[in-house]
C-alpha atoms as a PDB file:
ATOM      1  CA  MET A   1       0.000   0.000   0.000  1.00  0.00           C
ATOM      2  CA  ALA A   2       2.800   2.434   0.924  1.00  0.00           C
ATOM      3  CA  GLY A   3       4.669   1.502  -2.282  1.00  0.00           C
ATOM      4  CA  ALA A   4       1.595   2.255  -4.431  1.00  0.00           C
ATOM      5  CA  LEU A   5       1.143   5.597  -2.703  1.00  0.00           C
ATOM      6  CA  LEU A   6       4.768   6.540  -3.411  1.00  0.00           C
ATOM      7  CA  VAL A   7       4.381   5.582  -7.082  1.00  0.00           C
ATOM      8  CA  VAL A   8       1.222   7.725  -7.397  1.00  0.00           C
ATOM      9  CA  LEU A   9       2.878  10.674  -5.654  1.00  0.00           C
ATOM     10  CA  GLY A  10       6.060  10.253  -7.696  1.00  0.00           C
ATOM     11  CA  VAL A  11       4.149  10.324 -10.990  1.00  0.00           C
ATOM     12  CA  GLY A  12       1.635  13.010  -9.990  1.00  0.00           C
ATOM     13  CA  ALA A  13       4.082  15.480  -8.435  1.00  0.00           C
ATOM     14  CA  PRO A  14       6.001  16.397 -11.626  1.00  0.00           C
ATOM     15  CA  ALA A  15       2.750  16.893 -13.546  1.00  0.00           C
ATOM     16  CA  ALA A  16       1.369  19.162 -10.824  1.00  0.00           C
ATOM     17  CA  ALA A  17       4.571  21.199 -10.746  1.00  0.00           C
ATOM     18  CA  HIS A  18       4.274  22.267 -14.412  1.00  0.00           C
ATOM     19  CA  ASP A  19       1.999  25.188 -15.154  1.00  0.00           C
ATOM     20  CA  ILE A  20       0.289  24.307 -18.428  1.00  0.00           C
ATOM     21  CA  THR A  21      -1.430  27.672 -19.000  1.00  0.00           C
ATOM     22  CA  SER A  22       0.034  29.856 -21.737  1.00  0.00           C
ATOM     23  CA  HIS A  23       1.872  32.998 -20.719  1.00  0.00           C
ATOM     24  CA  ALA A  24       3.331  35.666 -22.963  1.00  0.00           C
ATOM     25  CA  VAL A  25       7.062  35.977 -22.800  1.00  0.00           C
ATOM     26  CA  ARG A  26       6.907  39.314 -24.599  1.00  0.00           C
ATOM     27  CA  GLU A  27       4.604  41.586 -26.530  1.00  0.00           C
ATOM     28  CA  LEU A  28       5.038  43.782 -29.584  1.00  0.00           C
ATOM     29  CA  VAL A  29       3.482  47.212 -29.189  1.00  0.00           C
ATOM     30  CA  ARG A  30       2.623  49.487 -32.131  1.00  0.00           C
ATOM     31  CA  ILE A  31       1.981  53.092 -31.153  1.00  0.00           C
ATOM     32  CA  GLN A  32       1.004  55.823 -33.578  1.00  0.00           C
ATOM     33  CA  GLY A  33       0.465  59.485 -32.833  1.00  0.00           C
ATOM     34  CA  THR A  34       2.111  62.879 -32.483  1.00  0.00           C
ATOM     35  CA  LEU A  35       4.290  64.653 -29.964  1.00  0.00           C
ATOM     36  CA  GLY A  36       2.462  67.247 -27.922  1.00  0.00           C
ATOM     37  CA  SER A  37      -0.807  67.340 -26.090  1.00  0.00           C
ATOM     38  CA  ALA A  38      -3.349  67.787 -28.875  1.00  0.00           C
ATOM     39  CA  THR A  39      -6.916  66.631 -28.454  1.00  0.00           C
ATOM     40  CA  PRO A  40      -6.854  62.849 -28.877  1.00  0.00           C
ATOM     41  CA  PRO A  41      -9.197  61.202 -31.399  1.00  0.00           C
ATOM     42  CA  PRO A  42     -12.212  59.280 -30.003  1.00  0.00           C
ATOM     43  CA  ASN A  43     -10.255  56.050 -29.411  1.00  0.00           C
ATOM     44  CA  GLY A  44      -6.937  57.791 -28.705  1.00  0.00           C
ATOM     45  CA  ARG A  45      -5.328  58.860 -25.465  1.00  0.00           C
ATOM     46  CA  GLN A  46      -2.842  61.213 -23.861  1.00  0.00           C
ATOM     47  CA  LEU A  47       0.317  59.881 -22.242  1.00  0.00           C
ATOM     48  CA  THR A  48       3.859  60.927 -21.427  1.00  0.00           C
ATOM     49  CA  PHE A  49       6.898  59.050 -22.661  1.00  0.00           C
ATOM     50  CA  THR A  50      10.170  59.202 -20.781  1.00  0.00           C
ATOM     51  CA  VAL A  51      13.023  59.121 -23.280  1.00  0.00           C
ATOM     52  CA  ARG A  52      16.613  59.440 -22.047  1.00  0.00           C
ATOM     53  CA  GLY A  53      15.441  61.394 -19.010  1.00  0.00           C
ATOM     54  CA  GLN A  54      13.141  63.731 -20.961  1.00  0.00           C
ATOM     55  CA  ARG A  55       9.404  63.644 -20.426  1.00  0.00           C
ATOM     56  CA  LEU A  56       7.583  63.989 -23.751  1.00  0.00           C
ATOM     57  CA  PRO A  57       3.805  64.484 -23.944  1.00  0.00           C
ATOM     58  CA  PHE A  58       2.350  62.255 -26.650  1.00  0.00           C
ATOM     59  CA  THR A  59      -1.099  62.003 -28.204  1.00  0.00           C
ATOM     60  CA  ALA A  60      -1.658  58.415 -29.310  1.00  0.00           C
ATOM     61  CA  SER A  61      -4.205  57.845 -32.062  1.00  0.00           C
ATOM     62  CA  GLU A  62      -3.497  54.095 -32.085  1.00  0.00           C
ATOM     63  CA  TRP A  63      -2.086  51.655 -29.500  1.00  0.00           C
ATOM     64  CA  ARG A  64      -2.021  47.982 -30.470  1.00  0.00           C
ATOM     65  CA  VAL A  65      -0.496  45.100 -28.509  1.00  0.00           C
ATOM     66  CA  PHE A  66       0.455  41.794 -30.137  1.00  0.00           C
ATOM     67  CA  ALA A  67       1.203  39.051 -27.604  1.00  0.00           C
ATOM     68  CA  PHE A  68       3.171  35.902 -28.352  1.00  0.00           C
ATOM     69  CA  ALA A  69       0.567  33.795 -26.518  1.00  0.00           C
ATOM     70  CA  ASP A  70      -3.206  33.889 -26.459  1.00  0.00           C
ATOM     71  CA  ASP A  71      -4.049  34.331 -22.795  1.00  0.00           C
ATOM     72  CA  ALA A  72      -6.917  36.285 -21.244  1.00  0.00           C
ATOM     73  CA  THR A  73      -4.715  37.225 -18.272  1.00  0.00           C
ATOM     74  CA  LEU A  74      -2.376  39.293 -20.486  1.00  0.00           C
ATOM     75  CA  LYS A  75      -4.426  42.458 -20.297  1.00  0.00           C
ATOM     76  CA  GLN A  76      -2.294  44.563 -17.977  1.00  0.00           C
ATOM     77  CA  PRO A  77      -3.117  48.191 -17.225  1.00  0.00           C
ATOM     78  CA  GLU A  78      -1.021  50.471 -19.408  1.00  0.00           C
ATOM     79  CA  ALA A  79       1.585  52.585 -17.630  1.00  0.00           C
ATOM     80  CA  PRO A  80       0.775  56.332 -17.646  1.00  0.00           C
ATOM     81  CA  ALA A  81       4.424  57.221 -18.428  1.00  0.00           C
ATOM     82  CA  PRO A  82       6.159  54.349 -20.204  1.00  0.00           C
ATOM     83  CA  GLU A  83       9.910  54.648 -20.645  1.00  0.00           C
ATOM     84  CA  LEU A  84      11.265  54.222 -24.162  1.00  0.00           C
ATOM     85  CA  VAL A  85      14.629  52.444 -24.149  1.00  0.00           C
ATOM     86  CA  GLY A  86      16.885  51.227 -26.940  1.00  0.00           C
ATOM     87  CA  ASP A  87      19.446  52.396 -29.462  1.00  0.00           C
ATOM     88  CA  ARG A  88      20.274  56.105 -29.088  1.00  0.00           C
ATOM     89  CA  ALA A  89      19.908  56.802 -32.817  1.00  0.00           C
ATOM     90  CA  ILE A  90      16.393  55.331 -32.820  1.00  0.00           C
ATOM     91  CA  LEU A  91      15.369  57.178 -29.625  1.00  0.00           C
ATOM     92  CA  ARG A  92      16.692  60.415 -31.126  1.00  0.00           C
ATOM     93  CA  ARG A  93      14.109  60.038 -33.921  1.00  0.00           C
ATOM     94  CA  VAL A  94      11.388  60.323 -31.257  1.00  0.00           C
ATOM     95  CA  ILE A  95      13.011  63.201 -29.354  1.00  0.00           C
ATOM     96  CA  THR A  96      13.641  65.293 -32.492  1.00  0.00           C
ATOM     97  CA  ALA A  97      10.234  64.740 -34.107  1.00  0.00           C
ATOM     98  CA  ARG A  98       8.181  67.806 -34.916  1.00  0.00           C
ATOM     99  CA  PRO A  99       4.622  68.210 -33.592  1.00  0.00           C
ATOM    100  CA  ASP A 100       3.236  67.980 -37.162  1.00  0.00           C
ATOM    101  CA  GLN A 101       4.889  64.596 -37.828  1.00  0.00           C
ATOM    102  CA  LEU A 102       2.970  61.361 -37.454  1.00  0.00           C
ATOM    103  CA  ILE A 103       5.177  58.991 -35.457  1.00  0.00           C
ATOM    104  CA  THR A 104       4.841  55.211 -35.565  1.00  0.00           C
ATOM    105  CA  ILE A 105       6.771  53.311 -32.901  1.00  0.00           C
ATOM    106  CA  LEU A 106       7.254  49.555 -32.904  1.00  0.00           C
ATOM    107  CA  ALA A 107       8.518  48.331 -29.545  1.00  0.00           C
ATOM    108  CA  GLU A 108       8.893  45.175 -27.498  1.00  0.00           C
ATOM    109  CA  ARG A 109       7.657  44.854 -23.938  1.00  0.00           C
ATOM    110  CA  ARG A 110       7.663  42.205 -21.265  1.00  0.00           C
ATOM    111  CA  PRO A 111       4.128  41.876 -19.848  1.00  0.00           C
ATOM    112  CA  GLY A 112       3.740  43.881 -16.666  1.00  0.00           C
ATOM    113  CA  SER A 113       6.718  46.146 -17.446  1.00  0.00           C
ATOM    114  CA  SER A 114       6.425  49.844 -18.262  1.00  0.00           C
ATOM    115  CA  ASP A 115       9.656  49.852 -20.330  1.00  0.00           C
ATOM    116  CA  LEU A 116       9.224  49.732 -24.094  1.00  0.00           C
ATOM    117  CA  PHE A 117      12.315  48.580 -26.019  1.00  0.00           C
ATOM    118  CA  VAL A 118      12.025  50.545 -29.262  1.00  0.00           C
ATOM    119  CA  LEU A 119      12.775  48.518 -32.387  1.00  0.00           C
ATOM    120  CA  THR A 120      11.984  51.133 -35.024  1.00  0.00           C
ATOM    121  CA  VAL A 121      10.530  54.620 -35.403  1.00  0.00           C
ATOM    122  CA  ASP A 122       8.890  55.951 -38.567  1.00  0.00           C
ATOM    123  CA  ARG A 123       8.165  59.658 -38.986  1.00  0.00           C
ATOM    124  CA  CYS A 124       5.856  61.002 -41.682  1.00  0.00           C
ATOM    125  CA  PRO A 125       6.511  63.352 -43.387  1.00  0.00           C
ATOM    126  CA  GLU A 126      10.232  62.788 -42.888  1.00  0.00           C
ATOM    127  CA  ARG A 127      11.573  66.246 -43.971  1.00  0.00           C
END
């Protein structure tokens, strides 16, 4: 009887120790908008980015998150002042943007973190 109990516990314990729910390891975030504090569109929002110590007001017209796992628990509240981190040349494209330029930022984020690792920045018109 004791031997059978040990076999059941020995087989069941490893299975119970593994969490089989899916969790995102990272997310891609696509943000589009303009520098400054203009009136946001109906589905847009105001936020402040911190970039290399500077606080930049930003009006986001679009904010899309693409997770690498489909899990209902991924919806984390967005940070009011996310920090943009990454290559200095890429971050400079955000800092030096004009208020009339539409900025599209593609960044990576770990769920629950407020840091956005910027992969690329597109400004339109580029001038």
